[in-house]
Structures are given as structure tokens and as C-alpha cells.
Amino acid sequence: MNFGKALEEVKKGKGMRLPAWKEDVIIRAQYPDEHSKMTAPYLYVESRFGRVPWKETMIELFSEDWQVVE
């Protein structure tokens, strides 16, 4: 699946990942609320090391093998 289709699922609360990544690496969306310091939605990467903002690469954006996960 391409990035755009996977992103639409992430907006609905799911996660996305590429098959070459370790199993625990997942991209998710964060929607700030009135208690958040951030004011706009953003994507973050979740892994065994914690959660950090995701900085995509062109290779990732143009990949056609995104997987959607719960």
C-alpha cells in the first residue's frame, strides 16, 4: 500500500510500518488536546526506545509496501 493510503488509516487511529523495520517500530498520529503543548496533529514513531516525532525520508514516502497495524 502506498503512503497516502496508509496515512488515511493512521488518521483513523491505526498504525503503519514498513516491512524492513523491526517489528516494534510503528508510526502513529497524535492529535493534541487543550492540555498539549503542541497545537497541530503530528506523526510519531513508537518503538522499544519510546516515542519521538517522526522525520520521514523520501524513500519512505515513495514506498509502496506500507503495512497498516492496530
PDB file of N, CA and C in Angstrom:
ATOM      1  N   MET A   1       0.846  -1.163   0.000  1.00  0.00           N
ATOM      2  CA  MET A   1       0.000   0.000   0.000  1.00  0.00           C
ATOM      3  C   MET A   1       0.896   1.232   0.000  1.00  0.00           C
ATOM      4  N   ASN A   2       0.469   2.291  -0.656  1.00  0.00           N
ATOM      5  CA  ASN A   2       1.295   3.494  -0.704  1.00  0.00           C
ATOM      6  C   ASN A   2       1.128   4.325   0.570  1.00  0.00           C
ATOM      7  N   PHE A   3       1.969   5.333   0.739  1.00  0.00           N
ATOM      8  CA  PHE A   3       1.981   6.149   1.938  1.00  0.00           C
ATOM      9  C   PHE A   3       0.641   6.841   2.175  1.00  0.00           C
ATOM     10  N   GLY A   4       0.052   7.375   1.131  1.00  0.00           N
ATOM     11  CA  GLY A   4      -1.203   8.111   1.272  1.00  0.00           C
ATOM     12  C   GLY A   4      -2.327   7.239   1.817  1.00  0.00           C
ATOM     13  N   LYS A   5      -2.448   6.034   1.311  1.00  0.00           N
ATOM     14  CA  LYS A   5      -3.496   5.122   1.790  1.00  0.00           C
ATOM     15  C   LYS A   5      -3.230   4.703   3.226  1.00  0.00           C
ATOM     16  N   ALA A   6      -1.967   4.433   3.550  1.00  0.00           N
ATOM     17  CA  ALA A   6      -1.626   4.060   4.926  1.00  0.00           C
ATOM     18  C   ALA A   6      -1.889   5.228   5.874  1.00  0.00           C
ATOM     19  N   LEU A   7      -1.569   6.441   5.458  1.00  0.00           N
ATOM     20  CA  LEU A   7      -1.787   7.616   6.288  1.00  0.00           C
ATOM     21  C   LEU A   7      -3.271   7.801   6.593  1.00  0.00           C
ATOM     22  N   GLU A   8      -4.124   7.535   5.641  1.00  0.00           N
ATOM     23  CA  GLU A   8      -5.568   7.649   5.887  1.00  0.00           C
ATOM     24  C   GLU A   8      -6.008   6.712   7.010  1.00  0.00           C
ATOM     25  N   GLU A   9      -5.404   5.535   7.092  1.00  0.00           N
ATOM     26  CA  GLU A   9      -5.727   4.594   8.173  1.00  0.00           C
ATOM     27  C   GLU A   9      -5.159   5.069   9.514  1.00  0.00           C
ATOM     28  N   VAL A  10      -3.983   5.682   9.460  1.00  0.00           N
ATOM     29  CA  VAL A  10      -3.374   6.224  10.680  1.00  0.00           C
ATOM     30  C   VAL A  10      -4.252   7.341  11.241  1.00  0.00           C
ATOM     31  N   LYS A  11      -4.830   8.139  10.379  1.00  0.00           N
ATOM     32  CA  LYS A  11      -5.734   9.209  10.821  1.00  0.00           C
ATOM     33  C   LYS A  11      -6.954   8.645  11.533  1.00  0.00           C
ATOM     34  N   LYS A  12      -7.295   7.401  11.267  1.00  0.00           N
ATOM     35  CA  LYS A  12      -8.442   6.739  11.905  1.00  0.00           C
ATOM     36  C   LYS A  12      -8.051   6.024  13.195  1.00  0.00           C
ATOM     37  N   GLY A  13      -6.772   6.122  13.601  1.00  0.00           N
ATOM     38  CA  GLY A  13      -6.341   5.532  14.852  1.00  0.00           C
ATOM     39  C   GLY A  13      -5.461   4.299  14.737  1.00  0.00           C
ATOM     40  N   LYS A  14      -5.158   3.871  13.525  1.00  0.00           N
ATOM     41  CA  LYS A  14      -4.289   2.707  13.356  1.00  0.00           C
ATOM     42  C   LYS A  14      -2.839   3.147  13.262  1.00  0.00           C
ATOM     43  N   GLY A  15      -1.934   2.202  13.117  1.00  0.00           N
ATOM     44  CA  GLY A  15      -0.523   2.496  12.939  1.00  0.00           C
ATOM     45  C   GLY A  15      -0.082   2.030  11.560  1.00  0.00           C
ATOM     46  N   MET A  16       1.115   2.437  11.163  1.00  0.00           N
ATOM     47  CA  MET A  16       1.666   1.969   9.891  1.00  0.00           C
ATOM     48  C   MET A  16       3.143   1.703  10.066  1.00  0.00           C
ATOM     49  N   ARG A  17       3.652   0.803   9.215  1.00  0.00           N
ATOM     50  CA  ARG A  17       5.065   0.444   9.297  1.00  0.00           C
ATOM     51  C   ARG A  17       5.513  -0.085   7.943  1.00  0.00           C
ATOM     52  N   LEU A  18       6.815  -0.125   7.758  1.00  0.00           N
ATOM     53  CA  LEU A  18       7.402  -0.747   6.579  1.00  0.00           C
ATOM     54  C   LEU A  18       7.946  -2.114   6.973  1.00  0.00           C
ATOM     55  N   PRO A  19       7.849  -3.101   6.090  1.00  0.00           N
ATOM     56  CA  PRO A  19       8.259  -4.460   6.441  1.00  0.00           C
ATOM     57  C   PRO A  19       9.741  -4.607   6.792  1.00  0.00           C
ATOM     58  N   ALA A  20      10.596  -3.732   6.324  1.00  0.00           N
ATOM     59  CA  ALA A  20      12.033  -3.829   6.616  1.00  0.00           C
ATOM     60  C   ALA A  20      12.367  -3.371   8.040  1.00  0.00           C
ATOM     61  N   TRP A  21      11.441  -2.671   8.683  1.00  0.00           N
ATOM     62  CA  TRP A  21      11.673  -2.180  10.036  1.00  0.00           C
ATOM     63  C   TRP A  21      11.526  -3.299  11.050  1.00  0.00           C
ATOM     64  N   LYS A  22      12.123  -3.121  12.240  1.00  0.00           N
ATOM     65  CA  LYS A  22      11.920  -4.073  13.331  1.00  0.00           C
ATOM     66  C   LYS A  22      10.439  -4.086  13.684  1.00  0.00           C
ATOM     67  N   GLU A  23       9.967  -5.216  14.189  1.00  0.00           N
ATOM     68  CA  GLU A  23       8.540  -5.422  14.460  1.00  0.00           C
ATOM     69  C   GLU A  23       7.918  -4.370  15.374  1.00  0.00           C
ATOM     70  N   ASP A  24       8.696  -3.818  16.309  1.00  0.00           N
ATOM     71  CA  ASP A  24       8.106  -2.891  17.281  1.00  0.00           C
ATOM     72  C   ASP A  24       8.066  -1.437  16.810  1.00  0.00           C
ATOM     73  N   VAL A  25       8.533  -1.159  15.604  1.00  0.00           N
ATOM     74  CA  VAL A  25       8.573   0.213  15.090  1.00  0.00           C
ATOM     75  C   VAL A  25       7.278   0.507  14.331  1.00  0.00           C
ATOM     76  N   ILE A  26       6.521   1.471  14.835  1.00  0.00           N
ATOM     77  CA  ILE A  26       5.215   1.811  14.260  1.00  0.00           C
ATOM     78  C   ILE A  26       5.057   3.328  14.235  1.00  0.00           C
ATOM     79  N   ILE A  27       4.492   3.837  13.152  1.00  0.00           N
ATOM     80  CA  ILE A  27       4.178   5.255  13.026  1.00  0.00           C
ATOM     81  C   ILE A  27       2.717   5.447  13.429  1.00  0.00           C
ATOM     82  N   ARG A  28       2.476   6.438  14.279  1.00  0.00           N
ATOM     83  CA  ARG A  28       1.119   6.745  14.732  1.00  0.00           C
ATOM     84  C   ARG A  28       0.893   8.258  14.673  1.00  0.00           C
ATOM     85  N   ALA A  29      -0.365   8.661  14.755  1.00  0.00           N
ATOM     86  CA  ALA A  29      -0.722  10.083  14.754  1.00  0.00           C
ATOM     87  C   ALA A  29      -1.059  10.524  16.169  1.00  0.00           C
ATOM     88  N   GLN A  30      -0.694  11.751  16.483  1.00  0.00           N
ATOM     89  CA  GLN A  30      -1.060  12.366  17.759  1.00  0.00           C
ATOM     90  C   GLN A  30      -1.910  13.596  17.463  1.00  0.00           C
ATOM     91  N   TYR A  31      -3.049  13.656  18.116  1.00  0.00           N
ATOM     92  CA  TYR A  31      -3.944  14.802  17.975  1.00  0.00           C
ATOM     93  C   TYR A  31      -3.957  15.559  19.303  1.00  0.00           C
ATOM     94  N   PRO A  32      -3.319  16.719  19.359  1.00  0.00           N
ATOM     95  CA  PRO A  32      -3.234  17.467  20.610  1.00  0.00           C
ATOM     96  C   PRO A  32      -4.616  17.872  21.142  1.00  0.00           C
ATOM     97  N   ASP A  33      -4.700  17.987  22.462  1.00  0.00           N
ATOM     98  CA  ASP A  33      -5.917  18.491  23.095  1.00  0.00           C
ATOM     99  C   ASP A  33      -5.581  19.785  23.837  1.00  0.00           C
ATOM    100  N   GLU A  34      -6.501  20.275  24.640  1.00  0.00           N
ATOM    101  CA  GLU A  34      -6.294  21.551  25.319  1.00  0.00           C
ATOM    102  C   GLU A  34      -5.150  21.518  26.331  1.00  0.00           C
ATOM    103  N   HIS A  35      -4.693  20.330  26.713  1.00  0.00           N
ATOM    104  CA  HIS A  35      -3.598  20.206  27.676  1.00  0.00           C
ATOM    105  C   HIS A  35      -2.231  19.994  27.004  1.00  0.00           C
ATOM    106  N   SER A  36      -2.215  19.891  25.702  1.00  0.00           N
ATOM    107  CA  SER A  36      -0.980  19.620  24.968  1.00  0.00           C
ATOM    108  C   SER A  36      -0.201  20.897  24.692  1.00  0.00           C
ATOM    109  N   LYS A  37       1.106  20.743  24.614  1.00  0.00           N
ATOM    110  CA  LYS A  37       1.946  21.872  24.217  1.00  0.00           C
ATOM    111  C   LYS A  37       1.930  22.053  22.703  1.00  0.00           C
ATOM    112  N   MET A  38       1.729  20.957  21.971  1.00  0.00           N
ATOM    113  CA  MET A  38       1.636  21.025  20.517  1.00  0.00           C
ATOM    114  C   MET A  38       0.225  21.492  20.156  1.00  0.00           C
ATOM    115  N   THR A  39       0.094  22.195  19.037  1.00  0.00           N
ATOM    116  CA  THR A  39      -1.215  22.717  18.656  1.00  0.00           C
ATOM    117  C   THR A  39      -1.754  22.124  17.360  1.00  0.00           C
ATOM    118  N   ALA A  40      -0.964  21.314  16.681  1.00  0.00           N
ATOM    119  CA  ALA A  40      -1.396  20.699  15.429  1.00  0.00           C
ATOM    120  C   ALA A  40      -1.069  19.208  15.471  1.00  0.00           C
ATOM    121  N   PRO A  41      -1.837  18.394  14.740  1.00  0.00           N
ATOM    122  CA  PRO A  41      -1.535  16.954  14.703  1.00  0.00           C
ATOM    123  C   PRO A  41      -0.142  16.703  14.130  1.00  0.00           C
ATOM    124  N   TYR A  42       0.445  15.598  14.546  1.00  0.00           N
ATOM    125  CA  TYR A  42       1.760  15.212  14.026  1.00  0.00           C
ATOM    126  C   TYR A  42       1.915  13.699  14.078  1.00  0.00           C
ATOM    127  N   LEU A  43       2.890  13.189  13.340  1.00  0.00           N
ATOM    128  CA  LEU A  43       3.202  11.764  13.335  1.00  0.00           C
ATOM    129  C   LEU A  43       4.388  11.506  14.249  1.00  0.00           C
ATOM    130  N   TYR A  44       4.335  10.389  14.939  1.00  0.00           N
ATOM    131  CA  TYR A  44       5.461   9.998  15.787  1.00  0.00           C
ATOM    132  C   TYR A  44       5.769   8.525  15.565  1.00  0.00           C
ATOM    133  N   VAL A  45       6.993   8.144  15.886  1.00  0.00           N
ATOM    134  CA  VAL A  45       7.411   6.751  15.781  1.00  0.00           C
ATOM    135  C   VAL A  45       7.460   6.178  17.192  1.00  0.00           C
ATOM    136  N   GLU A  46       6.879   5.003  17.320  1.00  0.00           N
ATOM    137  CA  GLU A  46       6.823   4.302  18.598  1.00  0.00           C
ATOM    138  C   GLU A  46       7.678   3.047  18.467  1.00  0.00           C
ATOM    139  N   SER A  47       8.549   2.810  19.456  1.00  0.00           N
ATOM    140  CA  SER A  47       9.385   1.609  19.446  1.00  0.00           C
ATOM    141  C   SER A  47       9.748   1.248  20.878  1.00  0.00           C
ATOM    142  N   ARG A  48      10.580   0.245  21.033  1.00  0.00           N
ATOM    143  CA  ARG A  48      11.013  -0.173  22.368  1.00  0.00           C
ATOM    144  C   ARG A  48      11.798   0.932  23.077  1.00  0.00           C
ATOM    145  N   PHE A  49      12.244   1.933  22.328  1.00  0.00           N
ATOM    146  CA  PHE A  49      13.003   3.043  22.908  1.00  0.00           C
ATOM    147  C   PHE A  49      12.107   4.196  23.348  1.00  0.00           C
ATOM    148  N   GLY A  50      10.811   4.109  23.062  1.00  0.00           N
ATOM    149  CA  GLY A  50       9.884   5.167  23.433  1.00  0.00           C
ATOM    150  C   GLY A  50       9.205   5.768  22.213  1.00  0.00           C
ATOM    151  N   ARG A  51       8.782   7.010  22.360  1.00  0.00           N
ATOM    152  CA  ARG A  51       8.072   7.718  21.295  1.00  0.00           C
ATOM    153  C   ARG A  51       8.791   9.023  20.987  1.00  0.00           C
ATOM    154  N   VAL A  52       9.000   9.275  19.697  1.00  0.00           N
ATOM    155  CA  VAL A  52       9.640  10.514  19.252  1.00  0.00           C
ATOM    156  C   VAL A  52       8.964  10.981  17.966  1.00  0.00           C
ATOM    157  N   PRO A  53       8.996  12.287  17.668  1.00  0.00           N
ATOM    158  CA  PRO A  53       8.441  12.757  16.396  1.00  0.00           C
ATOM    159  C   PRO A  53       9.110  12.026  15.232  1.00  0.00           C
ATOM    160  N   TRP A  54       8.346  11.733  14.212  1.00  0.00           N
ATOM    161  CA  TRP A  54       8.871  11.010  13.060  1.00  0.00           C
ATOM    162  C   TRP A  54       9.325  11.980  11.993  1.00  0.00           C
ATOM    163  N   LYS A  55      10.539  11.803  11.517  1.00  0.00           N
ATOM    164  CA  LYS A  55      11.069  12.576  10.388  1.00  0.00           C
ATOM    165  C   LYS A  55      11.234  11.606   9.222  1.00  0.00           C
ATOM    166  N   GLU A  56      10.346  11.726   8.281  1.00  0.00           N
ATOM    167  CA  GLU A  56      10.307  10.808   7.141  1.00  0.00           C
ATOM    168  C   GLU A  56      11.450  11.060   6.156  1.00  0.00           C
ATOM    169  N   THR A  57      11.723  10.039   5.341  1.00  0.00           N
ATOM    170  CA  THR A  57      12.679  10.172   4.240  1.00  0.00           C
ATOM    171  C   THR A  57      11.912  10.062   2.923  1.00  0.00           C
ATOM    172  N   MET A  58      12.517  10.479   1.851  1.00  0.00           N
ATOM    173  CA  MET A  58      11.872  10.362   0.537  1.00  0.00           C
ATOM    174  C   MET A  58      11.644   8.891   0.178  1.00  0.00           C
ATOM    175  N   ILE A  59      12.585   8.035   0.537  1.00  0.00           N
ATOM    176  CA  ILE A  59      12.441   6.601   0.257  1.00  0.00           C
ATOM    177  C   ILE A  59      11.195   6.069   0.954  1.00  0.00           C
ATOM    178  N   GLU A  60      10.990   6.465   2.211  1.00  0.00           N
ATOM    179  CA  GLU A  60       9.809   6.014   2.949  1.00  0.00           C
ATOM    180  C   GLU A  60       8.526   6.555   2.321  1.00  0.00           C
ATOM    181  N   LEU A  61       8.501   7.833   1.983  1.00  0.00           N
ATOM    182  CA  LEU A  61       7.292   8.429   1.408  1.00  0.00           C
ATOM    183  C   LEU A  61       6.895   7.786   0.082  1.00  0.00           C
ATOM    184  N   PHE A  62       7.870   7.389  -0.711  1.00  0.00           N
ATOM    185  CA  PHE A  62       7.575   6.810  -2.022  1.00  0.00           C
ATOM    186  C   PHE A  62       7.441   5.285  -1.994  1.00  0.00           C
ATOM    187  N   SER A  63       7.604   4.675  -0.833  1.00  0.00           N
ATOM    188  CA  SER A  63       7.477   3.216  -0.729  1.00  0.00           C
ATOM    189  C   SER A  63       6.050   2.793  -1.024  1.00  0.00           C
ATOM    190  N   GLU A  64       5.920   1.636  -1.627  1.00  0.00           N
ATOM    191  CA  GLU A  64       4.616   1.079  -1.995  1.00  0.00           C
ATOM    192  C   GLU A  64       4.245  -0.138  -1.151  1.00  0.00           C
ATOM    193  N   ASP A  65       5.005  -0.381  -0.074  1.00  0.00           N
ATOM    194  CA  ASP A  65       4.755  -1.587   0.723  1.00  0.00           C
ATOM    195  C   ASP A  65       4.447  -1.287   2.196  1.00  0.00           C
ATOM    196  N   TRP A  66       3.784  -0.148   2.441  1.00  0.00           N
ATOM    197  CA  TRP A  66       3.369   0.186   3.802  1.00  0.00           C
ATOM    198  C   TRP A  66       2.368  -0.849   4.295  1.00  0.00           C
ATOM    199  N   GLN A  67       2.467  -1.152   5.570  1.00  0.00           N
ATOM    200  CA  GLN A  67       1.527  -2.069   6.218  1.00  0.00           C
ATOM    201  C   GLN A  67       0.755  -1.300   7.280  1.00  0.00           C
ATOM    202  N   VAL A  68      -0.530  -1.594   7.410  1.00  0.00           N
ATOM    203  CA  VAL A  68      -1.358  -0.987   8.458  1.00  0.00           C
ATOM    204  C   VAL A  68      -1.460  -1.978   9.596  1.00  0.00           C
ATOM    205  N   VAL A  69      -1.278  -1.483  10.830  1.00  0.00           N
ATOM    206  CA  VAL A  69      -1.342  -2.333  12.030  1.00  0.00           C
ATOM    207  C   VAL A  69      -2.267  -1.675  13.047  1.00  0.00           C
ATOM    208  N   GLU A  70      -2.689  -2.468  13.995  1.00  0.00           N
ATOM    209  CA  GLU A  70      -3.565  -1.931  15.068  1.00  0.00           C
ATOM    210  C   GLU A  70      -2.777  -1.128  16.055  1.00  0.00           C
TER     211      GLU A  70
END
